[in-house]
Amino acid sequence: MKKTLLAVATIAMLLVFSAAYNAKVIDSRVGYQAPNFTVSNADTTVSLQDLKGNYVLLTFWSSADAQSRISNMHYDRIAGASSNLQHIAVNYDRSALVFGEVSKIDNLQNGSQFFDAEGHESQLHETYRISSMGYRTLLIDPNGEIISENPSDSELAQLI
């Protein structure tokens, strides 16, 4: 009877430990499961969950930050030429009007560009640590894991 009880207790402990080990940690850093979010513009609403099964470039940018603006244009064009790659760009300009005009001037795809009206106070801004980690682009794999930050053209060429 003691052996049976010990075997059951051992199996139960193994199940508890294996369940804890398999849990995916959600974080906005490379190597972790990307936090889910939903963004909208006049035409489109997109959530990261909807894009599961695809590679996703998630770009945070502002027209006041030249490097992030240039990166956004670059990644927008790469994703536009690929069927394997989705692009979601979230803008943190102070004004939706500025965002709209810059998007037109930069010839950005409407369906991929989103203005975060709550700005620096938004949940998305906090979740992805834009203040501490800066504007950046994350490459998310089809399983939802962040696999690269500011991916190079050669990294992206492997996906296209």
Protein backbone atom coordinates (compact mmCIF):
# COMPACT_ATOMS: atom_id res chain seq x y z
CA MET A 1 0.00 0.00 0.00
CA LYS A 2 2.86 2.37 0.85
CA LYS A 3 4.52 1.69 -2.51
CA THR A 4 1.31 2.48 -4.40
CA LEU A 5 0.82 5.70 -2.43
CA LEU A 6 4.44 6.69 -3.03
CA ALA A 7 4.10 5.99 -6.78
CA VAL A 8 0.92 8.09 -7.01
CA ALA A 9 2.54 10.94 -5.06
CA THR A 10 5.64 10.81 -7.30
CA ILE A 11 3.55 10.92 -10.49
CA ALA A 12 1.51 13.82 -9.10
CA MET A 13 4.70 15.76 -8.30
CA LEU A 14 6.09 15.11 -11.79
CA LEU A 15 2.87 16.39 -13.34
CA VAL A 16 2.95 19.56 -11.23
CA PHE A 17 6.58 20.26 -12.09
CA SER A 18 6.14 19.54 -15.80
CA ALA A 19 3.07 21.82 -15.99
CA ALA A 20 5.03 24.64 -14.39
CA TYR A 21 7.96 24.07 -16.75
CA ASN A 22 5.82 24.21 -19.91
CA ALA A 23 4.16 27.51 -19.12
CA LYS A 24 5.20 30.20 -21.62
CA VAL A 25 6.42 33.40 -20.04
CA ILE A 26 4.84 36.47 -21.62
CA ASP A 27 7.19 39.42 -21.97
CA SER A 28 8.21 42.00 -24.58
CA ARG A 29 11.82 40.80 -24.83
CA VAL A 30 13.47 38.45 -27.31
CA GLY A 31 12.95 34.80 -26.40
CA TYR A 32 9.56 35.29 -24.75
CA GLN A 33 5.94 34.95 -25.83
CA ALA A 34 4.74 38.34 -27.13
CA PRO A 35 1.94 39.95 -25.11
CA ASN A 36 -1.34 40.07 -27.02
CA PHE A 37 -2.86 43.42 -27.97
CA THR A 38 -5.44 44.92 -30.30
CA VAL A 39 -5.02 48.10 -32.37
CA SER A 40 -7.47 49.92 -34.65
CA ASN A 41 -7.53 52.60 -37.29
CA ALA A 42 -10.40 53.93 -39.41
CA ASP A 43 -10.36 50.86 -41.67
CA THR A 44 -8.94 47.96 -39.69
CA THR A 45 -8.79 46.30 -36.29
CA VAL A 46 -5.97 43.83 -35.73
CA SER A 47 -4.92 41.76 -32.75
CA LEU A 48 -1.69 39.86 -32.45
CA GLN A 49 -3.76 36.74 -31.74
CA ASP A 50 -5.42 37.10 -35.18
CA LEU A 51 -2.00 36.92 -36.85
CA LYS A 52 -0.85 33.72 -35.16
CA GLY A 53 0.57 31.38 -37.77
CA ASN A 54 2.34 34.26 -39.55
CA TYR A 55 5.60 36.04 -39.00
CA VAL A 56 4.87 39.54 -37.69
CA LEU A 57 6.98 42.67 -37.66
CA LEU A 58 5.78 44.87 -34.82
CA THR A 59 7.18 48.39 -35.16
CA PHE A 60 6.87 51.19 -32.61
CA TRP A 61 7.69 54.60 -34.06
CA SER A 62 7.25 58.36 -33.99
CA SER A 63 7.87 60.95 -36.69
CA ALA A 64 9.84 62.92 -34.08
CA ASP A 65 12.33 60.03 -33.88
CA ALA A 66 14.09 59.90 -37.27
CA GLN A 67 15.56 56.42 -36.84
CA SER A 68 12.23 54.84 -35.93
CA ARG A 69 10.51 56.62 -38.82
CA ILE A 70 13.10 55.37 -41.32
CA SER A 71 12.88 51.86 -39.88
CA ASN A 72 9.10 51.90 -40.15
CA MET A 73 9.26 52.85 -43.84
CA HIS A 74 11.86 50.15 -44.48
CA TYR A 75 9.95 47.37 -42.71
CA ASP A 76 6.65 48.49 -44.28
CA ARG A 77 8.13 48.04 -47.76
CA ILE A 78 9.67 44.66 -46.95
CA ALA A 79 6.39 43.34 -45.50
CA GLY A 80 4.44 44.76 -48.44
CA ALA A 81 6.51 42.64 -50.82
CA SER A 82 6.06 39.43 -48.82
CA SER A 83 3.15 37.08 -48.29
CA ASN A 84 4.87 35.45 -45.27
CA LEU A 85 5.31 38.62 -43.28
CA GLN A 86 2.68 40.85 -41.64
CA HIS A 87 3.55 44.34 -40.45
CA ILE A 88 1.91 46.18 -37.58
CA ALA A 89 3.26 49.67 -36.95
CA VAL A 90 2.14 51.62 -33.89
CA ASN A 91 2.74 55.36 -33.93
CA TYR A 92 3.30 57.60 -30.91
CA ASP A 93 3.10 61.08 -32.45
CA ARG A 94 1.39 63.74 -30.35
CA SER A 95 -1.34 64.21 -32.93
CA ALA A 96 -3.36 61.93 -35.18
CA LEU A 97 -3.18 64.65 -37.85
CA VAL A 98 0.62 64.58 -37.81
CA PHE A 99 0.54 60.78 -37.97
CA GLY A 100 -1.86 60.87 -40.92
CA GLU A 101 0.20 63.37 -42.89
CA VAL A 102 3.50 61.60 -42.23
CA SER A 103 1.93 58.28 -43.27
CA LYS A 104 0.86 59.83 -46.58
CA ILE A 105 4.24 61.48 -47.18
CA ASP A 106 6.07 58.23 -46.38
CA ASN A 107 3.64 56.27 -48.61
CA LEU A 108 2.85 53.73 -45.86
CA GLN A 109 0.28 50.95 -46.20
CA ASN A 110 -2.98 51.98 -44.48
CA GLY A 111 -3.79 48.51 -43.17
CA SER A 112 -0.54 48.22 -41.24
CA GLN A 113 -0.30 51.67 -39.61
CA PHE A 114 -2.00 52.45 -36.30
CA PHE A 115 -2.01 55.58 -34.14
CA ASP A 116 -2.06 54.98 -30.38
CA ALA A 117 -4.34 57.81 -29.26
CA GLU A 118 -3.58 57.16 -25.59
CA GLY A 119 0.10 57.70 -26.33
CA HIS A 120 2.54 57.21 -23.50
CA GLU A 121 -0.33 56.41 -21.14
CA SER A 122 -1.56 53.42 -23.12
CA GLN A 123 -1.46 49.83 -21.96
CA LEU A 124 0.38 48.85 -25.15
CA HIS A 125 3.09 51.45 -24.48
CA GLU A 126 3.52 50.10 -20.95
CA THR A 127 3.33 46.40 -21.87
CA TYR A 128 5.99 46.70 -24.56
CA ARG A 129 8.14 49.03 -22.39
CA ILE A 130 8.49 51.73 -25.03
CA SER A 131 9.78 54.25 -22.47
CA SER A 132 12.67 52.13 -21.25
CA MET A 133 13.46 50.13 -24.39
CA GLY A 134 12.76 52.85 -26.94
CA TYR A 135 11.15 52.67 -30.35
CA ARG A 136 12.01 49.36 -31.96
CA THR A 137 10.79 46.61 -34.23
CA LEU A 138 10.17 43.10 -32.98
CA LEU A 139 10.03 40.02 -35.18
CA ILE A 140 7.46 37.54 -33.87
CA ASP A 141 7.37 33.96 -35.13
CA PRO A 142 4.17 32.04 -36.09
CA ASN A 143 3.88 30.68 -32.52
CA GLY A 144 3.88 34.18 -31.03
CA GLU A 145 7.45 34.18 -29.71
CA ILE A 146 9.65 37.25 -30.14
CA ILE A 147 12.67 36.00 -32.05
CA SER A 148 14.50 39.21 -32.93
CA GLU A 149 14.69 42.91 -32.15
CA ASN A 150 15.33 45.28 -35.07
CA PRO A 151 15.83 42.35 -37.46
CA SER A 152 18.36 42.70 -40.26
CA ASP A 153 17.53 42.39 -43.93
CA SER A 154 19.33 39.04 -44.03
CA GLU A 155 17.15 37.69 -41.17
CA LEU A 156 14.03 38.81 -43.00
CA ALA A 157 15.24 37.47 -46.36
CA GLN A 158 15.19 33.97 -44.87
CA LEU A 159 11.45 34.34 -44.21
CA ILE A 160 10.42 35.79 -47.55
